[in-house]
Structure formats: structure tokens, C-alpha cells
Amino acid sequence: MPELPEVEALTTLLAERMTGQPIPRCEPASFSALKTVSPSLDQLIGRVSAGCSRRGKYVCFDLDGMWLVAHLARAGFIRWHDTVPATTARPAKTSLALRVGLDIGSEFDQRHDLTVSV
């Protein structure tokens, strides 16, 4: 599990890259990783990222008032891609949980625990 300075650096990077960007794509790859089903992940599509912050070791994405909250757990991480992979999100050896695409053609993958809340 990453230490707090690493989580802080990650949220700073994500805030710089995501703030003001619409979310056109949100693909769950592992339903077992989702902690809630209401609201559905489809409700994140079209929302604009208002920022990213840290609450302890949780990474919190503000998406127009709806929050996507990720915990990095053991061996969990968020990986940024400058270009969206051509393949659809699906579980792999590293337990892919969610792939979120941005209007600028970038995306991030979340591995392991994930919570969506309003």
C-alpha cells in the first residue's frame, strides 16, 4: 500500500490533468470491485471533473457533485494513460476494476477497491 506522500503526489497529478475535463467513458471491468450499484457508473458519463483530492489513503474524484472514491488497498494503484488503449476494460492478472476515459483522449485505470457515491 502506498504511503501518504505518494497518494498526495498522485492526487496532485490527477487534479492537474483531469480538472475541467468531461468524462465520456467509464467502463467497469470487475463488478466484484464495486462497492455500490446506485448510482450506476453510467451516471458519471458526461460529468465534468471538478478536481481530485485525498482523504487519508482514499483518492476522491469530484465529478460535478458526484464522487468517485478509490482506495488503493494492497497492491492497488491508479495508472494514467496518455492515450486510451484500443481494447475494452476487462480483468487481468492485476485485477483491473475500472477504466475512465477523458475528452482529451487520455484515461486512467483503477485497480482493486472502488466506491461510487453521491
PDB file of N, CA and C in Angstrom:
ATOM      1  N   MET A   1       0.848  -1.168   0.000  1.00  0.00           N
ATOM      2  CA  MET A   1       0.000   0.000   0.000  1.00  0.00           C
ATOM      3  C   MET A   1       0.898   1.237   0.000  1.00  0.00           C
ATOM      4  N   PRO A   2       0.604   2.205  -0.849  1.00  0.00           N
ATOM      5  CA  PRO A   2       1.441   3.407  -0.912  1.00  0.00           C
ATOM      6  C   PRO A   2       1.325   4.235   0.374  1.00  0.00           C
ATOM      7  N   GLU A   3       2.349   5.000   0.643  1.00  0.00           N
ATOM      8  CA  GLU A   3       2.350   5.894   1.802  1.00  0.00           C
ATOM      9  C   GLU A   3       1.664   7.208   1.429  1.00  0.00           C
ATOM     10  N   LEU A   4       1.304   8.001   2.433  1.00  0.00           N
ATOM     11  CA  LEU A   4       0.561   9.239   2.200  1.00  0.00           C
ATOM     12  C   LEU A   4       1.235  10.208   1.226  1.00  0.00           C
ATOM     13  N   PRO A   5       2.567  10.415   1.272  1.00  0.00           N
ATOM     14  CA  PRO A   5       3.167  11.322   0.288  1.00  0.00           C
ATOM     15  C   PRO A   5       2.969  10.850  -1.157  1.00  0.00           C
ATOM     16  N   GLU A   6       2.974   9.534  -1.369  1.00  0.00           N
ATOM     17  CA  GLU A   6       2.753   9.012  -2.718  1.00  0.00           C
ATOM     18  C   GLU A   6       1.307   9.239  -3.161  1.00  0.00           C
ATOM     19  N   VAL A   7       0.369   9.063  -2.234  1.00  0.00           N
ATOM     20  CA  VAL A   7      -1.045   9.296  -2.550  1.00  0.00           C
ATOM     21  C   VAL A   7      -1.274  10.780  -2.826  1.00  0.00           C
ATOM     22  N   GLU A   8      -0.640  11.647  -2.051  1.00  0.00           N
ATOM     23  CA  GLU A   8      -0.754  13.096  -2.267  1.00  0.00           C
ATOM     24  C   GLU A   8      -0.204  13.482  -3.636  1.00  0.00           C
ATOM     25  N   ALA A   9       0.945  12.949  -4.008  1.00  0.00           N
ATOM     26  CA  ALA A   9       1.528  13.239  -5.323  1.00  0.00           C
ATOM     27  C   ALA A   9       0.617  12.743  -6.442  1.00  0.00           C
ATOM     28  N   LEU A  10       0.012  11.570  -6.262  1.00  0.00           N
ATOM     29  CA  LEU A  10      -0.902  11.023  -7.263  1.00  0.00           C
ATOM     30  C   LEU A  10      -2.121  11.919  -7.436  1.00  0.00           C
ATOM     31  N   THR A  11      -2.730  12.359  -6.331  1.00  0.00           N
ATOM     32  CA  THR A  11      -3.914  13.208  -6.443  1.00  0.00           C
ATOM     33  C   THR A  11      -3.579  14.567  -7.064  1.00  0.00           C
ATOM     34  N   THR A  12      -2.403  15.093  -6.782  1.00  0.00           N
ATOM     35  CA  THR A  12      -1.982  16.352  -7.399  1.00  0.00           C
ATOM     36  C   THR A  12      -1.866  16.187  -8.907  1.00  0.00           C
ATOM     37  N   LEU A  13      -1.227  15.111  -9.347  1.00  0.00           N
ATOM     38  CA  LEU A  13      -1.076  14.830 -10.777  1.00  0.00           C
ATOM     39  C   LEU A  13      -2.435  14.662 -11.444  1.00  0.00           C
ATOM     40  N   LEU A  14      -3.319  13.869 -10.831  1.00  0.00           N
ATOM     41  CA  LEU A  14      -4.641  13.639 -11.409  1.00  0.00           C
ATOM     42  C   LEU A  14      -5.460  14.925 -11.465  1.00  0.00           C
ATOM     43  N   ALA A  15      -5.375  15.760 -10.428  1.00  0.00           N
ATOM     44  CA  ALA A  15      -6.110  17.031 -10.422  1.00  0.00           C
ATOM     45  C   ALA A  15      -5.641  17.932 -11.564  1.00  0.00           C
ATOM     46  N   GLU A  16      -4.327  17.984 -11.776  1.00  0.00           N
ATOM     47  CA  GLU A  16      -3.782  18.813 -12.862  1.00  0.00           C
ATOM     48  C   GLU A  16      -4.266  18.342 -14.226  1.00  0.00           C
ATOM     49  N   ARG A  17      -4.333  17.054 -14.425  1.00  0.00           N
ATOM     50  CA  ARG A  17      -4.683  16.501 -15.745  1.00  0.00           C
ATOM     51  C   ARG A  17      -6.186  16.407 -15.978  1.00  0.00           C
ATOM     52  N   MET A  18      -6.968  16.253 -14.912  1.00  0.00           N
ATOM     53  CA  MET A  18      -8.392  15.979 -15.085  1.00  0.00           C
ATOM     54  C   MET A  18      -9.313  17.172 -14.910  1.00  0.00           C
ATOM     55  N   THR A  19      -8.944  18.156 -14.115  1.00  0.00           N
ATOM     56  CA  THR A  19      -9.852  19.248 -13.789  1.00  0.00           C
ATOM     57  C   THR A  19     -10.345  19.939 -15.055  1.00  0.00           C
ATOM     58  N   GLY A  20     -11.660  20.064 -15.155  1.00  0.00           N
ATOM     59  CA  GLY A  20     -12.293  20.696 -16.304  1.00  0.00           C
ATOM     60  C   GLY A  20     -12.562  19.761 -17.471  1.00  0.00           C
ATOM     61  N   GLN A  21     -12.167  18.499 -17.348  1.00  0.00           N
ATOM     62  CA  GLN A  21     -12.345  17.547 -18.445  1.00  0.00           C
ATOM     63  C   GLN A  21     -13.642  16.748 -18.298  1.00  0.00           C
ATOM     64  N   PRO A  22     -14.438  16.659 -19.371  1.00  0.00           N
ATOM     65  CA  PRO A  22     -15.630  15.806 -19.349  1.00  0.00           C
ATOM     66  C   PRO A  22     -15.238  14.329 -19.354  1.00  0.00           C
ATOM     67  N   ILE A  23     -16.113  13.494 -18.818  1.00  0.00           N
ATOM     68  CA  ILE A  23     -15.914  12.044 -18.755  1.00  0.00           C
ATOM     69  C   ILE A  23     -16.835  11.396 -19.802  1.00  0.00           C
ATOM     70  N   PRO A  24     -16.308  11.021 -20.987  1.00  0.00           N
ATOM     71  CA  PRO A  24     -17.150  10.395 -21.997  1.00  0.00           C
ATOM     72  C   PRO A  24     -17.226   8.869 -21.883  1.00  0.00           C
ATOM     73  N   ARG A  25     -16.363   8.278 -21.035  1.00  0.00           N
ATOM     74  CA  ARG A  25     -16.278   6.816 -20.995  1.00  0.00           C
ATOM     75  C   ARG A  25     -15.969   6.355 -19.566  1.00  0.00           C
ATOM     76  N   CYS A  26     -16.721   5.371 -19.110  1.00  0.00           N
ATOM     77  CA  CYS A  26     -16.492   4.792 -17.787  1.00  0.00           C
ATOM     78  C   CYS A  26     -16.862   3.316 -17.877  1.00  0.00           C
ATOM     79  N   GLU A  27     -15.856   2.445 -17.888  1.00  0.00           N
ATOM     80  CA  GLU A  27     -16.076   1.017 -18.081  1.00  0.00           C
ATOM     81  C   GLU A  27     -15.694   0.220 -16.837  1.00  0.00           C
ATOM     82  N   PRO A  28     -16.662  -0.412 -16.194  1.00  0.00           N
ATOM     83  CA  PRO A  28     -16.287  -1.313 -15.104  1.00  0.00           C
ATOM     84  C   PRO A  28     -15.667  -2.579 -15.691  1.00  0.00           C
ATOM     85  N   ALA A  29     -14.649  -3.073 -15.058  1.00  0.00           N
ATOM     86  CA  ALA A  29     -14.008  -4.298 -15.533  1.00  0.00           C
ATOM     87  C   ALA A  29     -14.237  -5.440 -14.554  1.00  0.00           C
ATOM     88  N   SER A  30     -14.528  -5.111 -13.318  1.00  0.00           N
ATOM     89  CA  SER A  30     -14.721  -6.126 -12.299  1.00  0.00           C
ATOM     90  C   SER A  30     -15.849  -5.704 -11.380  1.00  0.00           C
ATOM     91  N   PHE A  31     -16.991  -6.331 -11.524  1.00  0.00           N
ATOM     92  CA  PHE A  31     -18.129  -5.958 -10.699  1.00  0.00           C
ATOM     93  C   PHE A  31     -17.891  -6.275  -9.229  1.00  0.00           C
ATOM     94  N   SER A  32     -17.047  -7.247  -8.943  1.00  0.00           N
ATOM     95  CA  SER A  32     -16.770  -7.573  -7.544  1.00  0.00           C
ATOM     96  C   SER A  32     -16.015  -6.446  -6.849  1.00  0.00           C
ATOM     97  N   ALA A  33     -15.382  -5.561  -7.602  1.00  0.00           N
ATOM     98  CA  ALA A  33     -14.641  -4.448  -7.015  1.00  0.00           C
ATOM     99  C   ALA A  33     -15.544  -3.274  -6.666  1.00  0.00           C
ATOM    100  N   LEU A  34     -16.736  -3.217  -7.228  1.00  0.00           N
ATOM    101  CA  LEU A  34     -17.645  -2.108  -6.973  1.00  0.00           C
ATOM    102  C   LEU A  34     -18.315  -2.270  -5.626  1.00  0.00           C
ATOM    103  N   LYS A  35     -18.331  -1.215  -4.843  1.00  0.00           N
ATOM    104  CA  LYS A  35     -18.932  -1.256  -3.516  1.00  0.00           C
ATOM    105  C   LYS A  35     -20.389  -0.812  -3.534  1.00  0.00           C
ATOM    106  N   THR A  36     -20.800  -0.070  -4.551  1.00  0.00           N
ATOM    107  CA  THR A  36     -22.186   0.362  -4.652  1.00  0.00           C
ATOM    108  C   THR A  36     -22.667   0.160  -6.080  1.00  0.00           C
ATOM    109  N   VAL A  37     -23.969   0.053  -6.253  1.00  0.00           N
ATOM    110  CA  VAL A  37     -24.543  -0.031  -7.588  1.00  0.00           C
ATOM    111  C   VAL A  37     -25.471   1.146  -7.859  1.00  0.00           C
ATOM    112  N   SER A  38     -25.717   1.950  -6.858  1.00  0.00           N
ATOM    113  CA  SER A  38     -26.565   3.116  -7.020  1.00  0.00           C
ATOM    114  C   SER A  38     -25.856   4.308  -6.395  1.00  0.00           C
ATOM    115  N   PRO A  39     -25.520   5.297  -7.156  1.00  0.00           N
ATOM    116  CA  PRO A  39     -25.810   5.478  -8.571  1.00  0.00           C
ATOM    117  C   PRO A  39     -24.934   4.575  -9.429  1.00  0.00           C
ATOM    118  N   SER A  40     -25.399   4.326 -10.633  1.00  0.00           N
ATOM    119  CA  SER A  40     -24.635   3.475 -11.537  1.00  0.00           C
ATOM    120  C   SER A  40     -23.476   4.270 -12.141  1.00  0.00           C
ATOM    121  N   LEU A  41     -22.473   3.546 -12.619  1.00  0.00           N
ATOM    122  CA  LEU A  41     -21.330   4.203 -13.246  1.00  0.00           C
ATOM    123  C   LEU A  41     -21.729   4.965 -14.508  1.00  0.00           C
ATOM    124  N   ASP A  42     -22.819   4.557 -15.157  1.00  0.00           N
ATOM    125  CA  ASP A  42     -23.299   5.281 -16.344  1.00  0.00           C
ATOM    126  C   ASP A  42     -23.606   6.741 -16.022  1.00  0.00           C
ATOM    127  N   GLN A  43     -23.957   7.030 -14.779  1.00  0.00           N
ATOM    128  CA  GLN A  43     -24.282   8.404 -14.391  1.00  0.00           C
ATOM    129  C   GLN A  43     -23.049   9.296 -14.310  1.00  0.00           C
ATOM    130  N   LEU A  44     -21.852   8.713 -14.380  1.00  0.00           N
ATOM    131  CA  LEU A  44     -20.629   9.514 -14.406  1.00  0.00           C
ATOM    132  C   LEU A  44     -20.341  10.057 -15.804  1.00  0.00           C
ATOM    133  N   ILE A  45     -20.871   9.386 -16.824  1.00  0.00           N
ATOM    134  CA  ILE A  45     -20.603   9.785 -18.205  1.00  0.00           C
ATOM    135  C   ILE A  45     -21.236  11.147 -18.480  1.00  0.00           C
ATOM    136  N   GLY A  46     -20.437  12.043 -19.051  1.00  0.00           N
ATOM    137  CA  GLY A  46     -20.886  13.386 -19.362  1.00  0.00           C
ATOM    138  C   GLY A  46     -20.601  14.398 -18.260  1.00  0.00           C
ATOM    139  N   ARG A  47     -20.270  13.933 -17.079  1.00  0.00           N
ATOM    140  CA  ARG A  47     -19.927  14.848 -15.989  1.00  0.00           C
ATOM    141  C   ARG A  47     -18.540  15.427 -16.217  1.00  0.00           C
ATOM    142  N   VAL A  48     -18.309  16.597 -15.664  1.00  0.00           N
ATOM    143  CA  VAL A  48     -17.024  17.281 -15.810  1.00  0.00           C
ATOM    144  C   VAL A  48     -16.264  17.151 -14.493  1.00  0.00           C
ATOM    145  N   SER A  49     -14.996  16.820 -14.587  1.00  0.00           N
ATOM    146  CA  SER A  49     -14.162  16.683 -13.395  1.00  0.00           C
ATOM    147  C   SER A  49     -13.918  18.052 -12.777  1.00  0.00           C
ATOM    148  N   ALA A  50     -14.298  18.191 -11.513  1.00  0.00           N
ATOM    149  CA  ALA A  50     -14.070  19.444 -10.788  1.00  0.00           C
ATOM    150  C   ALA A  50     -12.795  19.373  -9.965  1.00  0.00           C
ATOM    151  N   GLY A  51     -12.150  18.212  -9.935  1.00  0.00           N
ATOM    152  CA  GLY A  51     -10.899  18.092  -9.206  1.00  0.00           C
ATOM    153  C   GLY A  51     -10.709  16.716  -8.608  1.00  0.00           C
ATOM    154  N   CYS A  52      -9.593  16.570  -7.951  1.00  0.00           N
ATOM    155  CA  CYS A  52      -9.217  15.313  -7.317  1.00  0.00           C
ATOM    156  C   CYS A  52      -8.533  15.659  -5.996  1.00  0.00           C
ATOM    157  N   SER A  53      -8.906  14.958  -4.945  1.00  0.00           N
ATOM    158  CA  SER A  53      -8.302  15.234  -3.642  1.00  0.00           C
ATOM    159  C   SER A  53      -8.055  13.919  -2.912  1.00  0.00           C
ATOM    160  N   ARG A  54      -7.410  14.043  -1.760  1.00  0.00           N
ATOM    161  CA  ARG A  54      -7.077  12.875  -0.955  1.00  0.00           C
ATOM    162  C   ARG A  54      -7.746  12.998   0.405  1.00  0.00           C
ATOM    163  N   ARG A  55      -8.307  11.910   0.883  1.00  0.00           N
ATOM    164  CA  ARG A  55      -8.830  11.800   2.246  1.00  0.00           C
ATOM    165  C   ARG A  55      -8.158  10.571   2.835  1.00  0.00           C
ATOM    166  N   GLY A  56      -7.088  10.778   3.587  1.00  0.00           N
ATOM    167  CA  GLY A  56      -6.294   9.647   4.055  1.00  0.00           C
ATOM    168  C   GLY A  56      -5.683   8.958   2.849  1.00  0.00           C
ATOM    169  N   LYS A  57      -5.913   7.666   2.727  1.00  0.00           N
ATOM    170  CA  LYS A  57      -5.394   6.935   1.569  1.00  0.00           C
ATOM    171  C   LYS A  57      -6.472   6.707   0.505  1.00  0.00           C
ATOM    172  N   TYR A  58      -7.564   7.472   0.589  1.00  0.00           N
ATOM    173  CA  TYR A  58      -8.604   7.425  -0.429  1.00  0.00           C
ATOM    174  C   TYR A  58      -8.339   8.524  -1.455  1.00  0.00           C
ATOM    175  N   VAL A  59      -8.515   8.206  -2.726  1.00  0.00           N
ATOM    176  CA  VAL A  59      -8.415   9.179  -3.810  1.00  0.00           C
ATOM    177  C   VAL A  59      -9.846   9.525  -4.199  1.00  0.00           C
ATOM    178  N   CYS A  60     -10.201  10.811  -4.127  1.00  0.00           N
ATOM    179  CA  CYS A  60     -11.578  11.265  -4.325  1.00  0.00           C
ATOM    180  C   CYS A  60     -11.670  12.144  -5.569  1.00  0.00           C
ATOM    181  N   PHE A  61     -12.492  11.718  -6.509  1.00  0.00           N
ATOM    182  CA  PHE A  61     -12.709  12.467  -7.746  1.00  0.00           C
ATOM    183  C   PHE A  61     -14.050  13.166  -7.648  1.00  0.00           C
ATOM    184  N   ASP A  62     -14.057  14.503  -7.736  1.00  0.00           N
ATOM    185  CA  ASP A  62     -15.286  15.285  -7.738  1.00  0.00           C
ATOM    186  C   ASP A  62     -15.733  15.415  -9.183  1.00  0.00           C
ATOM    187  N   LEU A  63     -16.850  14.780  -9.520  1.00  0.00           N
ATOM    188  CA  LEU A  63     -17.376  14.801 -10.882  1.00  0.00           C
ATOM    189  C   LEU A  63     -18.726  15.493 -10.879  1.00  0.00           C
ATOM    190  N   ASP A  64     -18.696  16.819 -10.924  1.00  0.00           N
ATOM    191  CA  ASP A  64     -19.923  17.629 -10.893  1.00  0.00           C
ATOM    192  C   ASP A  64     -20.809  17.284  -9.708  1.00  0.00           C
ATOM    193  N   GLY A  65     -20.229  17.156  -8.530  1.00  0.00           N
ATOM    194  CA  GLY A  65     -21.014  16.879  -7.340  1.00  0.00           C
ATOM    195  C   GLY A  65     -21.219  15.410  -7.035  1.00  0.00           C
ATOM    196  N   MET A  66     -20.922  14.532  -7.969  1.00  0.00           N
ATOM    197  CA  MET A  66     -20.948  13.098  -7.703  1.00  0.00           C
ATOM    198  C   MET A  66     -19.501  12.687  -7.445  1.00  0.00           C
ATOM    199  N   TRP A  67     -19.293  11.822  -6.472  1.00  0.00           N
ATOM    200  CA  TRP A  67     -17.933  11.458  -6.084  1.00  0.00           C
ATOM    201  C   TRP A  67     -17.607  10.028  -6.485  1.00  0.00           C
ATOM    202  N   LEU A  68     -16.456   9.865  -7.097  1.00  0.00           N
ATOM    203  CA  LEU A  68     -15.887   8.553  -7.363  1.00  0.00           C
ATOM    204  C   LEU A  68     -14.729   8.426  -6.383  1.00  0.00           C
ATOM    205  N   VAL A  69     -14.811   7.450  -5.487  1.00  0.00           N
ATOM    206  CA  VAL A  69     -13.826   7.303  -4.420  1.00  0.00           C
ATOM    207  C   VAL A  69     -13.099   5.980  -4.598  1.00  0.00           C
ATOM    208  N   ALA A  70     -11.781   6.049  -4.620  1.00  0.00           N
ATOM    209  CA  ALA A  70     -10.967   4.848  -4.802  1.00  0.00           C
ATOM    210  C   ALA A  70     -10.013   4.686  -3.632  1.00  0.00           C
ATOM    211  N   HIS A  71      -9.887   3.462  -3.165  1.00  0.00           N
ATOM    212  CA  HIS A  71      -8.886   3.134  -2.145  1.00  0.00           C
ATOM    213  C   HIS A  71      -7.857   2.252  -2.829  1.00  0.00           C
ATOM    214  N   LEU A  72      -6.596   2.546  -2.597  1.00  0.00           N
ATOM    215  CA  LEU A  72      -5.547   1.826  -3.307  1.00  0.00           C
ATOM    216  C   LEU A  72      -5.286   0.434  -2.745  1.00  0.00           C
ATOM    217  N   ALA A  73      -5.752   0.120  -1.553  1.00  0.00           N
ATOM    218  CA  ALA A  73      -5.665  -1.216  -0.971  1.00  0.00           C
ATOM    219  C   ALA A  73      -4.275  -1.815  -1.111  1.00  0.00           C
ATOM    220  N   ARG A  74      -4.184  -3.107  -0.914  1.00  0.00           N
ATOM    221  CA  ARG A  74      -2.888  -3.780  -1.088  1.00  0.00           C
ATOM    222  C   ARG A  74      -2.626  -3.935  -2.577  1.00  0.00           C
ATOM    223  N   ALA A  75      -1.507  -3.462  -3.015  1.00  0.00           N
ATOM    224  CA  ALA A  75      -1.077  -3.583  -4.409  1.00  0.00           C
ATOM    225  C   ALA A  75      -2.010  -2.869  -5.385  1.00  0.00           C
ATOM    226  N   GLY A  76      -2.904  -2.025  -4.883  1.00  0.00           N
ATOM    227  CA  GLY A  76      -3.785  -1.275  -5.766  1.00  0.00           C
ATOM    228  C   GLY A  76      -3.089  -0.031  -6.283  1.00  0.00           C
ATOM    229  N   PHE A  77      -3.543   0.473  -7.404  1.00  0.00           N
ATOM    230  CA  PHE A  77      -2.954   1.682  -7.945  1.00  0.00           C
ATOM    231  C   PHE A  77      -3.877   2.289  -8.984  1.00  0.00           C
ATOM    232  N   ILE A  78      -3.565   3.511  -9.347  1.00  0.00           N
ATOM    233  CA  ILE A  78      -4.239   4.191 -10.449  1.00  0.00           C
ATOM    234  C   ILE A  78      -3.163   4.462 -11.495  1.00  0.00           C
ATOM    235  N   ARG A  79      -3.400   4.014 -12.696  1.00  0.00           N
ATOM    236  CA  ARG A  79      -2.423   4.180 -13.767  1.00  0.00           C
ATOM    237  C   ARG A  79      -2.986   5.128 -14.825  1.00  0.00           C
ATOM    238  N   TRP A  80      -2.225   6.176 -15.128  1.00  0.00           N
ATOM    239  CA  TRP A  80      -2.607   7.152 -16.136  1.00  0.00           C
ATOM    240  C   TRP A  80      -2.097   6.701 -17.503  1.00  0.00           C
ATOM    241  N   HIS A  81      -2.938   6.840 -18.540  1.00  0.00           N
ATOM    242  CA  HIS A  81      -2.541   6.560 -19.927  1.00  0.00           C
ATOM    243  C   HIS A  81      -2.769   7.827 -20.740  1.00  0.00           C
ATOM    244  N   ASP A  82      -1.750   8.267 -21.472  1.00  0.00           N
ATOM    245  CA  ASP A  82      -1.921   9.455 -22.319  1.00  0.00           C
ATOM    246  C   ASP A  82      -2.840   9.185 -23.494  1.00  0.00           C
ATOM    247  N   THR A  83      -2.902   7.945 -23.941  1.00  0.00           N
ATOM    248  CA  THR A  83      -3.843   7.558 -24.997  1.00  0.00           C
ATOM    249  C   THR A  83      -4.640   6.360 -24.511  1.00  0.00           C
ATOM    250  N   VAL A  84      -5.890   6.298 -24.909  1.00  0.00           N
ATOM    251  CA  VAL A  84      -6.784   5.236 -24.476  1.00  0.00           C
ATOM    252  C   VAL A  84      -6.428   3.948 -25.219  1.00  0.00           C
ATOM    253  N   PRO A  85      -6.229   2.840 -24.489  1.00  0.00           N
ATOM    254  CA  PRO A  85      -5.979   1.566 -25.164  1.00  0.00           C
ATOM    255  C   PRO A  85      -7.158   1.183 -26.056  1.00  0.00           C
ATOM    256  N   ALA A  86      -6.872   0.502 -27.151  1.00  0.00           N
ATOM    257  CA  ALA A  86      -7.917   0.112 -28.104  1.00  0.00           C
ATOM    258  C   ALA A  86      -8.828  -0.971 -27.529  1.00  0.00           C
ATOM    259  N   THR A  87      -8.330  -1.743 -26.585  1.00  0.00           N
ATOM    260  CA  THR A  87      -9.124  -2.826 -26.009  1.00  0.00           C
ATOM    261  C   THR A  87     -10.085  -2.295 -24.955  1.00  0.00           C
ATOM    262  N   THR A  88     -11.155  -3.040 -24.724  1.00  0.00           N
ATOM    263  CA  THR A  88     -12.090  -2.660 -23.662  1.00  0.00           C
ATOM    264  C   THR A  88     -11.545  -3.120 -22.320  1.00  0.00           C
ATOM    265  N   ALA A  89     -12.049  -2.508 -21.277  1.00  0.00           N
ATOM    266  CA  ALA A  89     -11.595  -2.849 -19.924  1.00  0.00           C
ATOM    267  C   ALA A  89     -12.098  -4.234 -19.554  1.00  0.00           C
ATOM    268  N   ARG A  90     -11.206  -5.048 -19.058  1.00  0.00           N
ATOM    269  CA  ARG A  90     -11.580  -6.355 -18.522  1.00  0.00           C
ATOM    270  C   ARG A  90     -10.538  -6.780 -17.506  1.00  0.00           C
ATOM    271  N   PRO A  91     -10.932  -7.600 -16.573  1.00  0.00           N
ATOM    272  CA  PRO A  91      -9.986  -8.002 -15.534  1.00  0.00           C
ATOM    273  C   PRO A  91      -8.763  -8.688 -16.132  1.00  0.00           C
ATOM    274  N   ALA A  92      -7.649  -8.423 -15.543  1.00  0.00           N
ATOM    275  CA  ALA A  92      -6.398  -9.046 -15.960  1.00  0.00           C
ATOM    276  C   ALA A  92      -5.722  -9.617 -14.724  1.00  0.00           C
ATOM    277  N   LYS A  93      -4.488  -9.991 -14.858  1.00  0.00           N
ATOM    278  CA  LYS A  93      -3.742 -10.531 -13.717  1.00  0.00           C
ATOM    279  C   LYS A  93      -3.647  -9.523 -12.577  1.00  0.00           C
ATOM    280  N   THR A  94      -3.767  -8.246 -12.889  1.00  0.00           N
ATOM    281  CA  THR A  94      -3.621  -7.206 -11.874  1.00  0.00           C
ATOM    282  C   THR A  94      -4.964  -6.703 -11.333  1.00  0.00           C
ATOM    283  N   SER A  95      -6.064  -7.366 -11.611  1.00  0.00           N
ATOM    284  CA  SER A  95      -7.385  -7.034 -11.055  1.00  0.00           C
ATOM    285  C   SER A  95      -7.877  -5.646 -11.440  1.00  0.00           C
ATOM    286  N   LEU A  96      -7.956  -5.367 -12.721  1.00  0.00           N
ATOM    287  CA  LEU A  96      -8.493  -4.097 -13.192  1.00  0.00           C
ATOM    288  C   LEU A  96      -9.927  -3.952 -12.711  1.00  0.00           C
ATOM    289  N   ALA A  97     -10.240  -2.818 -12.091  1.00  0.00           N
ATOM    290  CA  ALA A  97     -11.579  -2.574 -11.563  1.00  0.00           C
ATOM    291  C   ALA A  97     -12.376  -1.628 -12.460  1.00  0.00           C
ATOM    292  N   LEU A  98     -11.733  -0.565 -12.968  1.00  0.00           N
ATOM    293  CA  LEU A  98     -12.458   0.474 -13.685  1.00  0.00           C
ATOM    294  C   LEU A  98     -11.516   1.206 -14.624  1.00  0.00           C
ATOM    295  N   ARG A  99     -12.032   1.577 -15.787  1.00  0.00           N
ATOM    296  CA  ARG A  99     -11.301   2.420 -16.731  1.00  0.00           C
ATOM    297  C   ARG A  99     -12.161   3.648 -17.000  1.00  0.00           C
ATOM    298  N   VAL A 100     -11.556   4.836 -16.817  1.00  0.00           N
ATOM    299  CA  VAL A 100     -12.264   6.102 -17.028  1.00  0.00           C
ATOM    300  C   VAL A 100     -11.542   6.866 -18.124  1.00  0.00           C
ATOM    301  N   GLY A 101     -12.256   7.187 -19.201  1.00  0.00           N
ATOM    302  CA  GLY A 101     -11.694   7.960 -20.307  1.00  0.00           C
ATOM    303  C   GLY A 101     -12.061   9.424 -20.183  1.00  0.00           C
ATOM    304  N   LEU A 102     -11.213  10.276 -20.737  1.00  0.00           N
ATOM    305  CA  LEU A 102     -11.441  11.724 -20.718  1.00  0.00           C
ATOM    306  C   LEU A 102     -11.570  12.243 -22.142  1.00  0.00           C
ATOM    307  N   ASP A 103     -12.194  13.396 -22.304  1.00  0.00           N
ATOM    308  CA  ASP A 103     -12.385  14.007 -23.619  1.00  0.00           C
ATOM    309  C   ASP A 103     -11.075  14.307 -24.333  1.00  0.00           C
ATOM    310  N   ILE A 104      -9.995  14.493 -23.596  1.00  0.00           N
ATOM    311  CA  ILE A 104      -8.715  14.844 -24.219  1.00  0.00           C
ATOM    312  C   ILE A 104      -8.009  13.618 -24.797  1.00  0.00           C
ATOM    313  N   GLY A 105      -8.659  12.443 -24.718  1.00  0.00           N
ATOM    314  CA  GLY A 105      -8.071  11.233 -25.273  1.00  0.00           C
ATOM    315  C   GLY A 105      -7.221  10.461 -24.290  1.00  0.00           C
ATOM    316  N   SER A 106      -7.152  10.920 -23.054  1.00  0.00           N
ATOM    317  CA  SER A 106      -6.410  10.223 -22.009  1.00  0.00           C
ATOM    318  C   SER A 106      -7.380   9.400 -21.179  1.00  0.00           C
ATOM    319  N   GLU A 107      -6.820   8.616 -20.263  1.00  0.00           N
ATOM    320  CA  GLU A 107      -7.655   7.827 -19.372  1.00  0.00           C
ATOM    321  C   GLU A 107      -6.851   7.396 -18.162  1.00  0.00           C
ATOM    322  N   PHE A 108      -7.547   6.849 -17.176  1.00  0.00           N
ATOM    323  CA  PHE A 108      -6.845   6.195 -16.077  1.00  0.00           C
ATOM    324  C   PHE A 108      -7.538   4.890 -15.755  1.00  0.00           C
ATOM    325  N   ASP A 109      -6.753   3.938 -15.265  1.00  0.00           N
ATOM    326  CA  ASP A 109      -7.249   2.641 -14.818  1.00  0.00           C
ATOM    327  C   ASP A 109      -7.134   2.581 -13.309  1.00  0.00           C
ATOM    328  N   GLN A 110      -8.146   2.076 -12.672  1.00  0.00           N
ATOM    329  CA  GLN A 110      -8.135   1.860 -11.224  1.00  0.00           C
ATOM    330  C   GLN A 110      -8.110   0.365 -10.984  1.00  0.00           C
ATOM    331  N   ARG A 111      -7.218  -0.060 -10.144  1.00  0.00           N
ATOM    332  CA  ARG A 111      -7.107  -1.471  -9.794  1.00  0.00           C
ATOM    333  C   ARG A 111      -7.561  -1.652  -8.346  1.00  0.00           C
ATOM    334  N   HIS A 112      -8.271  -2.712  -8.077  1.00  0.00           N
ATOM    335  CA  HIS A 112      -8.747  -3.107  -6.750  1.00  0.00           C
ATOM    336  C   HIS A 112      -9.955  -2.310  -6.290  1.00  0.00           C
ATOM    337  N   ASP A 113     -10.019  -1.961  -5.013  1.00  0.00           N
ATOM    338  CA  ASP A 113     -11.233  -1.411  -4.382  1.00  0.00           C
ATOM    339  C   ASP A 113     -11.715  -0.133  -5.044  1.00  0.00           C
ATOM    340  N   LEU A 114     -13.029  -0.004  -5.158  1.00  0.00           N
ATOM    341  CA  LEU A 114     -13.624   1.172  -5.785  1.00  0.00           C
ATOM    342  C   LEU A 114     -14.998   1.412  -5.185  1.00  0.00           C
ATOM    343  N   THR A 115     -15.323   2.672  -4.926  1.00  0.00           N
ATOM    344  CA  THR A 115     -16.633   3.036  -4.407  1.00  0.00           C
ATOM    345  C   THR A 115     -17.152   4.218  -5.203  1.00  0.00           C
ATOM    346  N   VAL A 116     -18.396   4.183  -5.586  1.00  0.00           N
ATOM    347  CA  VAL A 116     -19.046   5.325  -6.214  1.00  0.00           C
ATOM    348  C   VAL A 116     -20.103   5.819  -5.257  1.00  0.00           C
ATOM    349  N   SER A 117     -20.080   7.115  -4.935  1.00  0.00           N
ATOM    350  CA  SER A 117     -21.094   7.655  -4.035  1.00  0.00           C
ATOM    351  C   SER A 117     -21.467   9.066  -4.443  1.00  0.00           C
ATOM    352  N   VAL A 118     -22.647   9.478  -4.017  1.00  0.00           N
ATOM    353  CA  VAL A 118     -23.127  10.836  -4.326  1.00  0.00           C
ATOM    354  C   VAL A 118     -22.806  11.743  -3.163  1.00  0.00           C
TER     355      VAL A 118
END
